[in-house]
Amino acid sequence: MKICGVEEAGRGPVIGPLVMCGLLIEDSKEAELKRIGAKDSKLLSPKQREKLYGKIIDMAEKYKIVILQPHKIDSAVFAKTLNLNGLEAETSADIINELKPDIVYIDCPSPNITAYTRKLQGLMKGKVKIIAEHKADVNYPVVSAASIIAKVTRDREIEKLKAEIGIDFGSGYPADPVTKEFLKIYHGKFPKLFRKSWAPFKKEIISKKQSTLEKW
């Protein structure tokens, strides 16, 4: 039986993309994923994730990575008919439809698991059993493995962006002091890096406008 895990990395940052990964394996390989140490990517160091990345890719029947850039995220968040959960659902459906598993395990981003599962089912092109749960990346090795692929991919994308602009902006998460300072100084210079729908970015824009008005 072919099973698929779907997970994302980078849902919360104000800088950079959200990466989603679908990983297809034979169910008989789940034990092997556990044996090599596949678990929720947040519980692993960057070095451990990089080491597992190649092993997981080698074990996979197929895999698909989708990189959602900030402008795509902003379009979903600002839209009246979509939101971030909706964007994740549509992207997950595209991944599942391409990989064609018998069963898919997905880490549900919505508090309403039933509604999210129903939305996914409506987007399926074939018959697929969907198991959506909170903490699926902890409970199912195939989802853990997908989370590792997604996280390593996002980390690589972030390093590419830093090299491109020649500035270290930290992790991209709003709580990171390095990211905070970068956002404050460079939000106008590198607009493509930022999720403009995120509160920290909007706060900086408002602060800048207030500062300009005060000068007048």
Protein backbone atom coordinates (compact mmCIF):
# COMPACT_ATOMS: atom_id res chain seq x y z
CA MET A 1 0.00 0.00 0.00
CA LYS A 2 1.30 3.44 -0.89
CA ILE A 3 1.09 6.03 1.87
CA CYS A 4 1.83 9.72 1.75
CA GLY A 5 2.76 12.28 4.38
CA VAL A 6 2.13 15.98 3.79
CA GLU A 7 3.69 18.70 5.93
CA GLU A 8 4.87 22.29 5.72
CA ALA A 9 7.75 24.37 7.02
CA GLY A 10 7.74 28.12 7.50
CA ARG A 11 4.12 28.94 8.25
CA GLY A 12 4.93 31.62 10.81
CA PRO A 13 7.89 33.68 9.48
CA VAL A 14 7.50 37.23 8.20
CA ILE A 15 10.34 36.65 5.73
CA GLY A 16 10.63 34.04 3.01
CA PRO A 17 8.55 31.21 1.60
CA LEU A 18 6.27 28.57 3.04
CA VAL A 19 7.43 25.16 1.83
CA MET A 20 5.13 22.17 1.51
CA CYS A 21 6.21 18.59 0.88
CA GLY A 22 4.42 15.39 0.03
CA LEU A 23 6.36 12.15 0.47
CA LEU A 24 5.14 8.84 -1.00
CA ILE A 25 6.45 5.51 0.32
CA GLU A 26 5.40 1.89 0.58
CA ASP A 27 3.84 1.35 4.01
CA SER A 28 6.41 -1.38 4.65
CA LYS A 29 9.11 1.32 4.82
CA GLU A 30 7.60 3.14 7.80
CA ALA A 31 9.67 1.08 10.22
CA GLU A 32 12.80 2.01 8.30
CA LEU A 33 11.95 5.71 8.60
CA LYS A 34 11.73 5.29 12.37
CA ARG A 35 14.98 3.32 12.43
CA ILE A 36 16.98 6.05 10.70
CA GLY A 37 15.62 8.63 13.17
CA ALA A 38 12.93 10.44 11.19
CA LYS A 39 10.85 12.55 13.56
CA ASP A 40 9.32 15.99 13.72
CA SER A 41 11.89 18.30 12.10
CA LYS A 42 11.65 20.76 15.00
CA LEU A 43 13.13 18.08 17.27
CA LEU A 44 16.23 17.71 15.10
CA SER A 45 19.28 19.91 14.64
CA PRO A 46 20.04 21.38 11.18
CA LYS A 47 22.93 18.92 10.83
CA GLN A 48 20.66 15.96 11.67
CA ARG A 49 18.02 17.14 9.20
CA GLU A 50 20.58 17.50 6.41
CA LYS A 51 21.90 14.01 7.11
CA LEU A 52 18.41 12.50 6.98
CA TYR A 53 17.36 14.43 3.88
CA GLY A 54 19.25 12.26 1.42
CA LYS A 55 18.28 9.01 3.13
CA ILE A 56 14.60 9.92 3.03
CA ILE A 57 14.75 10.95 -0.64
CA ASP A 58 16.39 7.61 -1.47
CA MET A 59 13.60 5.70 0.32
CA ALA A 60 10.76 7.59 -1.34
CA GLU A 61 8.71 6.21 -4.21
CA LYS A 62 8.04 9.81 -5.18
CA TYR A 63 8.03 13.20 -3.53
CA LYS A 64 6.85 16.67 -4.41
CA ILE A 65 7.98 20.02 -3.00
CA VAL A 66 6.02 23.22 -3.47
CA ILE A 67 7.57 26.58 -2.55
CA LEU A 68 4.96 29.25 -1.83
CA GLN A 69 6.55 32.68 -2.10
CA PRO A 70 5.48 35.65 0.09
CA HIS A 71 3.36 37.24 -2.65
CA LYS A 72 1.38 34.01 -3.02
CA ILE A 73 0.80 33.86 0.74
CA ASP A 74 -0.25 37.51 0.82
CA SER A 75 -2.74 36.96 -2.01
CA ALA A 76 -4.38 34.18 -0.01
CA VAL A 77 -4.44 36.08 3.28
CA PHE A 78 -5.79 39.28 1.73
CA ALA A 79 -8.39 37.44 -0.40
CA LYS A 80 -12.02 37.40 0.65
CA THR A 81 -12.57 33.83 -0.57
CA LEU A 82 -9.33 32.25 0.66
CA ASN A 83 -6.95 32.29 3.63
CA LEU A 84 -3.70 30.61 4.61
CA ASN A 85 -5.44 27.37 5.59
CA GLY A 86 -7.24 27.39 2.26
CA LEU A 87 -3.99 27.91 0.39
CA GLU A 88 -2.44 24.99 2.27
CA ALA A 89 -5.45 22.81 1.50
CA GLU A 90 -5.31 23.59 -2.23
CA THR A 91 -1.55 23.01 -2.32
CA SER A 92 -1.88 19.76 -0.37
CA ALA A 93 -4.56 18.60 -2.80
CA ASP A 94 -2.30 19.33 -5.78
CA ILE A 95 0.48 17.32 -4.14
CA ILE A 96 -1.79 14.38 -3.26
CA ASN A 97 -3.38 14.30 -6.71
CA GLU A 98 0.06 14.09 -8.31
CA LEU A 99 1.47 11.43 -5.97
CA LYS A 100 -1.69 9.27 -5.99
CA PRO A 101 -1.39 7.52 -2.60
CA ASP A 102 -3.85 5.03 -1.15
CA ILE A 103 -3.75 6.81 2.21
CA VAL A 104 -2.51 10.30 3.05
CA TYR A 105 -1.55 11.50 6.51
CA ILE A 106 -1.55 15.25 6.92
CA ASP A 107 -0.70 17.61 9.75
CA CYS A 108 -3.88 19.66 9.91
CA PRO A 109 -3.30 23.46 10.15
CA SER A 110 -6.93 24.18 11.00
CA PRO A 111 -8.56 23.83 14.44
CA ASN A 112 -11.56 22.33 12.63
CA ILE A 113 -10.19 18.99 11.44
CA THR A 114 -13.54 17.77 10.10
CA ALA A 115 -14.09 20.83 7.89
CA TYR A 116 -10.49 20.76 6.66
CA THR A 117 -10.73 17.06 5.77
CA ARG A 118 -14.00 17.68 3.96
CA LYS A 119 -12.41 20.49 1.94
CA LEU A 120 -9.51 18.22 0.96
CA GLN A 121 -11.85 15.41 -0.04
CA GLY A 122 -13.66 17.81 -2.33
CA LEU A 123 -10.40 18.59 -4.11
CA MET A 124 -9.38 14.98 -4.71
CA LYS A 125 -9.31 13.61 -8.27
CA GLY A 126 -9.32 9.99 -7.14
CA LYS A 127 -10.26 7.85 -4.17
CA VAL A 128 -7.86 8.58 -1.32
CA LYS A 129 -8.27 7.96 2.38
CA ILE A 130 -7.37 11.16 4.23
CA ILE A 131 -6.22 11.12 7.84
CA ALA A 132 -5.77 14.69 9.05
CA GLU A 133 -4.63 15.23 12.62
CA HIS A 134 -2.92 17.77 14.80
CA LYS A 135 0.63 16.65 15.62
CA ALA A 136 0.65 14.20 12.70
CA ASP A 137 4.32 15.10 12.27
CA VAL A 138 4.92 13.55 15.69
CA ASN A 139 2.59 10.56 15.32
CA TYR A 140 3.37 9.31 11.81
CA PRO A 141 6.92 8.68 10.51
CA VAL A 142 5.93 9.48 6.92
CA VAL A 143 4.74 12.93 7.99
CA SER A 144 7.88 13.41 10.09
CA ALA A 145 9.93 12.59 7.00
CA ALA A 146 7.94 15.08 4.89
CA SER A 147 8.51 17.73 7.56
CA ILE A 148 12.27 17.15 7.34
CA ILE A 149 12.28 17.56 3.56
CA ALA A 150 10.18 20.72 3.83
CA LYS A 151 12.35 22.21 6.58
CA VAL A 152 15.67 21.51 4.84
CA THR A 153 14.27 22.98 1.62
CA ARG A 154 13.11 26.14 3.38
CA ASP A 155 16.43 26.53 5.21
CA ARG A 156 18.24 26.30 1.88
CA GLU A 157 15.91 28.88 0.34
CA ILE A 158 16.56 31.24 3.24
CA GLU A 159 20.33 30.88 2.83
CA LYS A 160 19.96 31.63 -0.89
CA LEU A 161 18.08 34.84 -0.07
CA LYS A 162 20.75 35.92 2.41
CA ALA A 163 23.47 35.30 -0.17
CA GLU A 164 21.48 37.19 -2.80
CA ILE A 165 21.13 40.38 -0.75
CA GLY A 166 24.38 40.01 1.19
CA ILE A 167 22.71 40.53 4.58
CA ASP A 168 21.98 38.09 7.40
CA PHE A 169 18.35 38.63 8.40
CA GLY A 170 18.22 35.80 10.93
CA SER A 171 15.61 33.05 10.90
CA GLY A 172 12.84 35.17 9.38
CA TYR A 173 10.60 34.64 12.40
CA PRO A 174 9.11 37.79 13.99
CA ALA A 175 10.48 36.98 17.47
CA ASP A 176 14.07 36.78 16.20
CA PRO A 177 15.93 40.00 17.20
CA VAL A 178 18.02 39.91 14.01
CA THR A 179 14.88 39.58 11.90
CA LYS A 180 13.16 42.37 13.84
CA GLU A 181 16.03 44.77 13.17
CA PHE A 182 16.22 43.80 9.51
CA LEU A 183 12.48 44.33 9.10
CA LYS A 184 12.73 47.76 10.70
CA ILE A 185 15.56 48.93 8.45
CA TYR A 186 14.95 47.14 5.15
CA HIS A 187 11.20 46.57 4.80
CA GLY A 188 11.10 49.20 2.04
CA LYS A 189 14.27 48.10 0.25
CA PHE A 190 13.55 44.38 -0.12
CA PRO A 191 9.74 44.20 -0.32
CA LYS A 192 9.70 40.84 -2.12
CA LEU A 193 11.22 39.12 0.91
CA PHE A 194 8.40 40.03 3.26
CA ARG A 195 4.90 38.75 3.89
CA LYS A 196 3.09 42.06 3.75
CA SER A 197 -0.06 40.53 5.23
CA TRP A 198 1.80 39.73 8.47
CA ALA A 199 1.20 42.01 11.47
CA PRO A 200 4.90 42.85 12.07
CA PHE A 201 5.28 44.13 8.50
CA LYS A 202 2.08 46.15 8.65
CA LYS A 203 3.21 47.59 11.98
CA GLU A 204 6.43 48.86 10.41
CA ILE A 205 4.52 50.49 7.56
CA ILE A 206 2.21 52.26 10.00
CA SER A 207 5.18 53.34 12.11
CA LYS A 208 6.93 54.77 9.04
CA LYS A 209 3.82 56.70 7.98
CA GLN A 210 3.41 58.15 11.47
CA SER A 211 7.06 59.17 11.50
CA THR A 212 6.67 60.90 8.12
CA LEU A 213 3.58 62.77 9.32
CA GLU A 214 5.38 63.92 12.46
CA LYS A 215 8.18 65.41 10.34
CA TRP A 216 5.58 67.47 8.47
